[in-house]
Amino acid sequence: MLKIYILNVDHGDSIIIEHEDNGSKVYGVIDSNIPEGENTPPALIKLQQLNAKNLSFVALTHPHKDHYLGLPEIIESFPVENFYSFPLGSLNPANLEKIKGIYRKLIENTDSSYLKRLSFQFVRLLWLVKNRIGLDNWESPIGCDSIIYPQGFSDVDIRIILPHPKEKGFYFQMIENNDVNIATSQNLNKLSLAFLINYKGVQVILGGDGTRSSRISNKQTLIKGNKKLNGDIVKLPH
């Protein structure tokens, strides 16, 4: 049995996927946000209500605050097998240090306590993934049709259909240029992961914040490969 919980987190996304096979349940989390005025991510509350003991995977579709706030608390609360993220370059300590340096620069040069907190949370997330989940268990899959294999989902076909491979270049260039817009640019939506889940003849599409241009590029690539998307259930980007 496969259940998908799409949580109300105001603006943004927070999704929990539950899979049960032979009486054993596994869980995955895609994105998190903490609504204004609250302190605990709704995904963490829901996982506790579901009596989850560990997580097969956590995924961050793209680096906007309404998709990563609360993920550090979730990773601190459960053992996590795998982490999936938007394409952010080589997954090695040197590249992560470059990204950390950009956010440190942003923290040092802004008077906004809010922006400082957001930047700190994103750096904290990267640090937790590196040290608690590990670089060997961190993947940055790219569409248009990449299969992922999270533990415990063996009879569920999960594919990454966005971002289109052509979209990753500008983000890599921002890293190399130490561009502080890496934290807030709306262009980051182009990097968003989108999930295609096939289970027992039902197709579910979880679109992240994938952009129209990305979806058009994806459609053209799928047509060339004689493939089609026929989602029975679709979670549209905002």
C-alpha atoms as a PDB file:
ATOM      1  CA  MET A   1       0.000   0.000   0.000  1.00  0.00           C
ATOM      2  CA  LEU A   2       1.195   3.485  -0.868  1.00  0.00           C
ATOM      3  CA  LYS A   3      -0.055   6.610   0.872  1.00  0.00           C
ATOM      4  CA  ILE A   4       0.916  10.192   0.079  1.00  0.00           C
ATOM      5  CA  TYR A   5       0.294  12.950   2.620  1.00  0.00           C
ATOM      6  CA  ILE A   6       0.368  16.486   1.200  1.00  0.00           C
ATOM      7  CA  LEU A   7       0.533  18.776   4.216  1.00  0.00           C
ATOM      8  CA  ASN A   8      -0.826  22.296   4.580  1.00  0.00           C
ATOM      9  CA  VAL A   9       2.229  24.450   5.266  1.00  0.00           C
ATOM     10  CA  ASP A  10       0.830  27.722   3.895  1.00  0.00           C
ATOM     11  CA  HIS A  11       3.122  28.756   1.045  1.00  0.00           C
ATOM     12  CA  GLY A  12       5.472  25.978  -0.071  1.00  0.00           C
ATOM     13  CA  ASP A  13       5.478  22.199   0.013  1.00  0.00           C
ATOM     14  CA  SER A  14       5.716  19.356   2.478  1.00  0.00           C
ATOM     15  CA  ILE A  15       4.954  15.798   1.407  1.00  0.00           C
ATOM     16  CA  ILE A  16       5.270  12.464   3.213  1.00  0.00           C
ATOM     17  CA  ILE A  17       5.227   9.174   1.323  1.00  0.00           C
ATOM     18  CA  GLU A  18       4.358   6.017   3.261  1.00  0.00           C
ATOM     19  CA  HIS A  19       4.839   2.558   1.780  1.00  0.00           C
ATOM     20  CA  GLU A  20       3.737  -0.643   3.490  1.00  0.00           C
ATOM     21  CA  ASP A  21       4.855  -4.079   2.311  1.00  0.00           C
ATOM     22  CA  ASN A  22       4.296  -7.286   4.300  1.00  0.00           C
ATOM     23  CA  GLY A  23       3.407  -5.300   7.398  1.00  0.00           C
ATOM     24  CA  SER A  24       6.555  -3.174   7.294  1.00  0.00           C
ATOM     25  CA  LYS A  25       6.271   0.582   6.713  1.00  0.00           C
ATOM     26  CA  VAL A  26       8.851   2.946   5.282  1.00  0.00           C
ATOM     27  CA  TYR A  27       8.668   6.713   4.875  1.00  0.00           C
ATOM     28  CA  GLY A  28      10.058   9.389   2.616  1.00  0.00           C
ATOM     29  CA  VAL A  29       9.853  13.173   2.950  1.00  0.00           C
ATOM     30  CA  ILE A  30       9.838  15.637   0.072  1.00  0.00           C
ATOM     31  CA  ASP A  31      10.385  19.242   1.179  1.00  0.00           C
ATOM     32  CA  SER A  32       9.307  20.985   4.357  1.00  0.00           C
ATOM     33  CA  ASN A  33       8.136  24.381   5.464  1.00  0.00           C
ATOM     34  CA  ILE A  34       7.214  25.878   8.829  1.00  0.00           C
ATOM     35  CA  PRO A  35       4.150  28.130   8.665  1.00  0.00           C
ATOM     36  CA  GLU A  36       4.521  31.618  10.073  1.00  0.00           C
ATOM     37  CA  GLY A  37       3.943  31.696  13.817  1.00  0.00           C
ATOM     38  CA  GLU A  38       4.782  28.015  14.313  1.00  0.00           C
ATOM     39  CA  ASN A  39       8.013  26.463  15.573  1.00  0.00           C
ATOM     40  CA  THR A  40       7.725  22.802  14.586  1.00  0.00           C
ATOM     41  CA  PRO A  41       7.559  21.575  10.981  1.00  0.00           C
ATOM     42  CA  PRO A  42       4.178  19.926  10.282  1.00  0.00           C
ATOM     43  CA  ALA A  43       6.028  17.042   8.593  1.00  0.00           C
ATOM     44  CA  LEU A  44       7.797  16.214  11.853  1.00  0.00           C
ATOM     45  CA  ILE A  45       4.494  16.258  13.754  1.00  0.00           C
ATOM     46  CA  LYS A  46       2.889  14.001  11.133  1.00  0.00           C
ATOM     47  CA  LEU A  47       5.805  11.545  11.157  1.00  0.00           C
ATOM     48  CA  GLN A  48       5.537  11.295  14.929  1.00  0.00           C
ATOM     49  CA  GLN A  49       1.787  10.664  14.625  1.00  0.00           C
ATOM     50  CA  LEU A  50       2.546   7.908  12.100  1.00  0.00           C
ATOM     51  CA  ASN A  51       5.014   6.419  14.595  1.00  0.00           C
ATOM     52  CA  ALA A  52       7.851   6.545  12.074  1.00  0.00           C
ATOM     53  CA  LYS A  53      11.169   5.281  13.447  1.00  0.00           C
ATOM     54  CA  ASN A  54      13.422   6.098  10.503  1.00  0.00           C
ATOM     55  CA  LEU A  55      13.231   7.548   7.005  1.00  0.00           C
ATOM     56  CA  SER A  56      14.107   5.867   3.742  1.00  0.00           C
ATOM     57  CA  PHE A  57      14.811   9.244   2.172  1.00  0.00           C
ATOM     58  CA  VAL A  58      14.532  12.982   2.471  1.00  0.00           C
ATOM     59  CA  ALA A  59      14.395  15.134  -0.670  1.00  0.00           C
ATOM     60  CA  LEU A  60      14.847  18.862  -1.221  1.00  0.00           C
ATOM     61  CA  THR A  61      13.403  19.931  -4.561  1.00  0.00           C
ATOM     62  CA  HIS A  62      15.154  23.326  -4.693  1.00  0.00           C
ATOM     63  CA  PRO A  63      16.786  25.842  -2.326  1.00  0.00           C
ATOM     64  CA  HIS A  64      13.899  28.171  -1.494  1.00  0.00           C
ATOM     65  CA  LYS A  65      12.994  28.655   2.158  1.00  0.00           C
ATOM     66  CA  ASP A  66       9.418  27.423   1.781  1.00  0.00           C
ATOM     67  CA  HIS A  67      10.844  24.047   0.778  1.00  0.00           C
ATOM     68  CA  TYR A  68      13.768  23.574   3.194  1.00  0.00           C
ATOM     69  CA  LEU A  69      12.644  25.137   6.491  1.00  0.00           C
ATOM     70  CA  GLY A  70      12.165  22.275   8.942  1.00  0.00           C
ATOM     71  CA  LEU A  71      14.287  19.730   7.080  1.00  0.00           C
ATOM     72  CA  PRO A  72      17.176  20.122   9.575  1.00  0.00           C
ATOM     73  CA  GLU A  73      14.827  19.271  12.473  1.00  0.00           C
ATOM     74  CA  ILE A  74      13.525  16.227  10.597  1.00  0.00           C
ATOM     75  CA  ILE A  75      17.016  14.927   9.813  1.00  0.00           C
ATOM     76  CA  GLU A  76      18.014  15.435  13.447  1.00  0.00           C
ATOM     77  CA  SER A  77      14.959  13.466  14.615  1.00  0.00           C
ATOM     78  CA  PHE A  78      15.299  10.307  12.489  1.00  0.00           C
ATOM     79  CA  PRO A  79      17.964   8.090  10.958  1.00  0.00           C
ATOM     80  CA  VAL A  80      17.821   8.795   7.195  1.00  0.00           C
ATOM     81  CA  GLU A  81      19.077   6.395   4.526  1.00  0.00           C
ATOM     82  CA  ASN A  82      19.258   8.679   1.479  1.00  0.00           C
ATOM     83  CA  PHE A  83      19.086  12.346   0.580  1.00  0.00           C
ATOM     84  CA  TYR A  84      18.007  13.593  -2.852  1.00  0.00           C
ATOM     85  CA  SER A  85      18.555  17.184  -3.901  1.00  0.00           C
ATOM     86  CA  PHE A  86      18.353  19.494  -6.873  1.00  0.00           C
ATOM     87  CA  PRO A  87      21.604  19.596  -8.896  1.00  0.00           C
ATOM     88  CA  LEU A  88      24.104  21.684  -6.933  1.00  0.00           C
ATOM     89  CA  GLY A  89      27.372  20.577  -8.474  1.00  0.00           C
ATOM     90  CA  SER A  90      29.900  18.016  -7.342  1.00  0.00           C
ATOM     91  CA  LEU A  91      28.956  16.429  -4.034  1.00  0.00           C
ATOM     92  CA  ASN A  92      32.306  16.828  -2.342  1.00  0.00           C
ATOM     93  CA  PRO A  93      33.553  18.817   0.667  1.00  0.00           C
ATOM     94  CA  ALA A  94      35.291  21.448  -1.483  1.00  0.00           C
ATOM     95  CA  ASN A  95      32.144  22.329  -3.409  1.00  0.00           C
ATOM     96  CA  LEU A  96      30.046  22.382  -0.241  1.00  0.00           C
ATOM     97  CA  GLU A  97      32.563  24.766   1.295  1.00  0.00           C
ATOM     98  CA  LYS A  98      32.108  27.083  -1.700  1.00  0.00           C
ATOM     99  CA  ILE A  99      28.357  27.105  -1.144  1.00  0.00           C
ATOM    100  CA  LYS A 100      28.828  27.612   2.587  1.00  0.00           C
ATOM    101  CA  GLY A 101      31.125  30.544   1.845  1.00  0.00           C
ATOM    102  CA  ILE A 102      28.474  32.229  -0.291  1.00  0.00           C
ATOM    103  CA  TYR A 103      25.899  31.986   2.483  1.00  0.00           C
ATOM    104  CA  ARG A 104      28.430  33.179   5.060  1.00  0.00           C
ATOM    105  CA  LYS A 105      29.085  36.188   2.827  1.00  0.00           C
ATOM    106  CA  LEU A 106      25.348  36.824   2.655  1.00  0.00           C
ATOM    107  CA  ILE A 107      25.014  36.609   6.454  1.00  0.00           C
ATOM    108  CA  GLU A 108      27.884  39.040   6.959  1.00  0.00           C
ATOM    109  CA  ASN A 109      26.581  41.598   4.468  1.00  0.00           C
ATOM    110  CA  THR A 110      22.880  41.792   5.301  1.00  0.00           C
ATOM    111  CA  ASP A 111      21.159  43.721   8.078  1.00  0.00           C
ATOM    112  CA  SER A 112      18.124  41.468   7.853  1.00  0.00           C
ATOM    113  CA  SER A 113      17.910  39.110  10.808  1.00  0.00           C
ATOM    114  CA  TYR A 114      15.323  37.119   8.846  1.00  0.00           C
ATOM    115  CA  LEU A 115      17.675  36.570   5.891  1.00  0.00           C
ATOM    116  CA  LYS A 116      20.484  35.702   8.295  1.00  0.00           C
ATOM    117  CA  ARG A 117      18.304  33.022   9.892  1.00  0.00           C
ATOM    118  CA  LEU A 118      17.272  31.560   6.541  1.00  0.00           C
ATOM    119  CA  SER A 119      20.868  31.433   5.342  1.00  0.00           C
ATOM    120  CA  PHE A 120      21.981  29.760   8.549  1.00  0.00           C
ATOM    121  CA  GLN A 121      19.225  27.154   8.232  1.00  0.00           C
ATOM    122  CA  PHE A 122      20.280  26.234   4.697  1.00  0.00           C
ATOM    123  CA  VAL A 123      23.936  25.866   5.674  1.00  0.00           C
ATOM    124  CA  ARG A 124      22.848  23.836   8.700  1.00  0.00           C
ATOM    125  CA  LEU A 125      20.864  21.541   6.394  1.00  0.00           C
ATOM    126  CA  LEU A 126      23.878  20.901   4.147  1.00  0.00           C
ATOM    127  CA  TRP A 127      26.060  20.214   7.188  1.00  0.00           C
ATOM    128  CA  LEU A 128      23.557  17.724   8.618  1.00  0.00           C
ATOM    129  CA  VAL A 129      23.216  15.878   5.315  1.00  0.00           C
ATOM    130  CA  LYS A 130      26.987  15.643   4.949  1.00  0.00           C
ATOM    131  CA  ASN A 131      27.608  14.468   8.504  1.00  0.00           C
ATOM    132  CA  ARG A 132      24.503  12.450   9.430  1.00  0.00           C
ATOM    133  CA  ILE A 133      23.470  10.944   6.091  1.00  0.00           C
ATOM    134  CA  GLY A 134      26.814  11.065   4.304  1.00  0.00           C
ATOM    135  CA  LEU A 135      28.009  12.128   0.871  1.00  0.00           C
ATOM    136  CA  ASP A 136      27.855   8.527  -0.374  1.00  0.00           C
ATOM    137  CA  ASN A 137      24.106   8.525   0.302  1.00  0.00           C
ATOM    138  CA  TRP A 138      23.466  11.940  -1.256  1.00  0.00           C
ATOM    139  CA  GLU A 139      22.284  12.050  -4.868  1.00  0.00           C
ATOM    140  CA  SER A 140      21.422  14.962  -7.166  1.00  0.00           C
ATOM    141  CA  PRO A 141      19.330  13.270  -9.861  1.00  0.00           C
ATOM    142  CA  ILE A 142      18.415  15.130 -13.034  1.00  0.00           C
ATOM    143  CA  GLY A 143      15.389  14.474 -15.299  1.00  0.00           C
ATOM    144  CA  CYS A 144      13.948  13.816 -17.732  1.00  0.00           C
ATOM    145  CA  ASP A 145      13.521  10.169 -16.719  1.00  0.00           C
ATOM    146  CA  SER A 146      15.977   9.195 -13.957  1.00  0.00           C
ATOM    147  CA  ILE A 147      15.029   6.271 -11.719  1.00  0.00           C
ATOM    148  CA  ILE A 148      15.835   6.420  -8.014  1.00  0.00           C
ATOM    149  CA  TYR A 149      15.825   3.436  -5.689  1.00  0.00           C
ATOM    150  CA  PRO A 150      15.065   4.452  -2.089  1.00  0.00           C
ATOM    151  CA  GLN A 151      15.212   1.582   0.380  1.00  0.00           C
ATOM    152  CA  GLY A 152      11.875  -0.104   1.073  1.00  0.00           C
ATOM    153  CA  PHE A 153      10.191   1.107  -2.126  1.00  0.00           C
ATOM    154  CA  SER A 154      11.216  -1.828  -4.316  1.00  0.00           C
ATOM    155  CA  ASP A 155       7.769  -2.281  -5.901  1.00  0.00           C
ATOM    156  CA  VAL A 156       7.264   1.439  -6.439  1.00  0.00           C
ATOM    157  CA  ASP A 157       8.653   2.990  -9.608  1.00  0.00           C
ATOM    158  CA  ILE A 158      10.006   6.440  -8.683  1.00  0.00           C
ATOM    159  CA  ARG A 159      11.500   8.670 -11.341  1.00  0.00           C
ATOM    160  CA  ILE A 160      12.847  12.215 -11.478  1.00  0.00           C
ATOM    161  CA  ILE A 161      11.357  14.041 -14.470  1.00  0.00           C
ATOM    162  CA  LEU A 162      12.650  17.550 -13.681  1.00  0.00           C
ATOM    163  CA  PRO A 163      14.841  19.543 -13.777  1.00  0.00           C
ATOM    164  CA  HIS A 164      15.736  19.331 -17.414  1.00  0.00           C
ATOM    165  CA  PRO A 165      19.504  18.770 -17.741  1.00  0.00           C
ATOM    166  CA  LYS A 166      19.969  22.095 -19.550  1.00  0.00           C
ATOM    167  CA  GLU A 167      18.792  24.063 -16.483  1.00  0.00           C
ATOM    168  CA  LYS A 168      21.638  23.208 -14.095  1.00  0.00           C
ATOM    169  CA  GLY A 169      24.390  25.318 -15.659  1.00  0.00           C
ATOM    170  CA  PHE A 170      23.396  28.731 -14.321  1.00  0.00           C
ATOM    171  CA  TYR A 171      23.450  27.491 -10.717  1.00  0.00           C
ATOM    172  CA  PHE A 172      26.940  26.035 -11.085  1.00  0.00           C
ATOM    173  CA  GLN A 173      28.059  29.394 -12.502  1.00  0.00           C
ATOM    174  CA  MET A 174      26.532  31.248  -9.539  1.00  0.00           C
ATOM    175  CA  ILE A 175      28.575  29.045  -7.184  1.00  0.00           C
ATOM    176  CA  GLU A 176      31.771  29.746  -9.084  1.00  0.00           C
ATOM    177  CA  ASN A 177      31.030  33.489  -9.079  1.00  0.00           C
ATOM    178  CA  ASN A 178      30.236  33.596  -5.338  1.00  0.00           C
ATOM    179  CA  ASP A 179      26.892  35.120  -6.286  1.00  0.00           C
ATOM    180  CA  VAL A 180      24.732  35.796  -3.204  1.00  0.00           C
ATOM    181  CA  ASN A 181      21.608  35.652  -5.396  1.00  0.00           C
ATOM    182  CA  ILE A 182      22.014  31.897  -5.020  1.00  0.00           C
ATOM    183  CA  ALA A 183      19.898  32.250  -1.878  1.00  0.00           C
ATOM    184  CA  THR A 184      16.864  34.103  -3.207  1.00  0.00           C
ATOM    185  CA  SER A 185      16.749  34.108  -7.014  1.00  0.00           C
ATOM    186  CA  GLN A 186      13.414  33.068  -8.502  1.00  0.00           C
ATOM    187  CA  ASN A 187      15.399  31.339 -11.241  1.00  0.00           C
ATOM    188  CA  LEU A 188      16.060  28.590  -8.674  1.00  0.00           C
ATOM    189  CA  ASN A 189      12.603  27.216  -9.490  1.00  0.00           C
ATOM    190  CA  LYS A 190      14.149  25.973 -12.730  1.00  0.00           C
ATOM    191  CA  LEU A 191      16.246  23.561 -10.650  1.00  0.00           C
ATOM    192  CA  SER A 192      13.271  22.006  -8.905  1.00  0.00           C
ATOM    193  CA  LEU A 193      13.000  18.243  -8.751  1.00  0.00           C
ATOM    194  CA  ALA A 194       9.704  16.762  -9.938  1.00  0.00           C
ATOM    195  CA  PHE A 195       8.756  13.178  -9.072  1.00  0.00           C
ATOM    196  CA  LEU A 196       6.879  10.660 -11.183  1.00  0.00           C
ATOM    197  CA  ILE A 197       5.571   7.740  -9.102  1.00  0.00           C
ATOM    198  CA  ASN A 198       4.029   4.643 -10.690  1.00  0.00           C
ATOM    199  CA  TYR A 199       2.327   2.183  -8.348  1.00  0.00           C
ATOM    200  CA  LYS A 200      -0.108  -0.584  -9.268  1.00  0.00           C
ATOM    201  CA  GLY A 201      -1.201   1.147 -12.447  1.00  0.00           C
ATOM    202  CA  VAL A 202      -1.636   4.593 -10.885  1.00  0.00           C
ATOM    203  CA  GLN A 203       0.636   7.448 -11.907  1.00  0.00           C
ATOM    204  CA  VAL A 204       1.311  10.307  -9.482  1.00  0.00           C
ATOM    205  CA  ILE A 205       3.223  13.459 -10.412  1.00  0.00           C
ATOM    206  CA  LEU A 206       4.654  15.669  -7.672  1.00  0.00           C
ATOM    207  CA  GLY A 207       5.779  18.763  -9.502  1.00  0.00           C
ATOM    208  CA  GLY A 208       7.838  20.688  -6.951  1.00  0.00           C
ATOM    209  CA  ASP A 209       8.165  24.260  -8.273  1.00  0.00           C
ATOM    210  CA  GLY A 210       9.130  23.193 -11.782  1.00  0.00           C
ATOM    211  CA  THR A 211       8.686  26.035 -14.260  1.00  0.00           C
ATOM    212  CA  ARG A 212       6.676  26.128 -17.463  1.00  0.00           C
ATOM    213  CA  SER A 213       9.841  26.316 -19.571  1.00  0.00           C
ATOM    214  CA  SER A 214      11.243  23.262 -17.774  1.00  0.00           C
ATOM    215  CA  ARG A 215       8.041  21.303 -18.348  1.00  0.00           C
ATOM    216  CA  ILE A 216       8.019  22.211 -22.047  1.00  0.00           C
ATOM    217  CA  SER A 217      11.632  21.068 -22.426  1.00  0.00           C
ATOM    218  CA  ASN A 218      10.788  17.867 -20.563  1.00  0.00           C
ATOM    219  CA  LYS A 219       7.778  17.212 -22.790  1.00  0.00           C
ATOM    220  CA  GLN A 220       9.847  17.660 -25.936  1.00  0.00           C
ATOM    221  CA  THR A 221      12.480  15.230 -24.640  1.00  0.00           C
ATOM    222  CA  LEU A 222       9.849  12.647 -23.715  1.00  0.00           C
ATOM    223  CA  ILE A 223       8.208  12.931 -27.146  1.00  0.00           C
ATOM    224  CA  LYS A 224      11.562  12.231 -28.796  1.00  0.00           C
ATOM    225  CA  GLY A 225      11.850   9.124 -26.621  1.00  0.00           C
ATOM    226  CA  ASN A 226       8.269   8.023 -27.421  1.00  0.00           C
ATOM    227  CA  LYS A 227       7.257   8.470 -23.764  1.00  0.00           C
ATOM    228  CA  LYS A 228       4.190  10.146 -22.297  1.00  0.00           C
ATOM    229  CA  LEU A 229       3.063  11.495 -18.943  1.00  0.00           C
ATOM    230  CA  ASN A 230      -0.486  10.507 -18.026  1.00  0.00           C
ATOM    231  CA  GLY A 231      -0.762  11.497 -14.376  1.00  0.00           C
ATOM    232  CA  ASP A 232      -3.822  10.182 -12.569  1.00  0.00           C
ATOM    233  CA  ILE A 233      -2.954  12.428  -9.614  1.00  0.00           C
ATOM    234  CA  VAL A 234      -0.926  15.618 -10.078  1.00  0.00           C
ATOM    235  CA  LYS A 235       0.400  18.054  -7.465  1.00  0.00           C
ATOM    236  CA  LEU A 236       0.945  21.203  -9.490  1.00  0.00           C
ATOM    237  CA  PRO A 237       3.695  23.762  -8.823  1.00  0.00           C
ATOM    238  CA  HIS A 238       2.529  27.040  -7.323  1.00  0.00           C
END
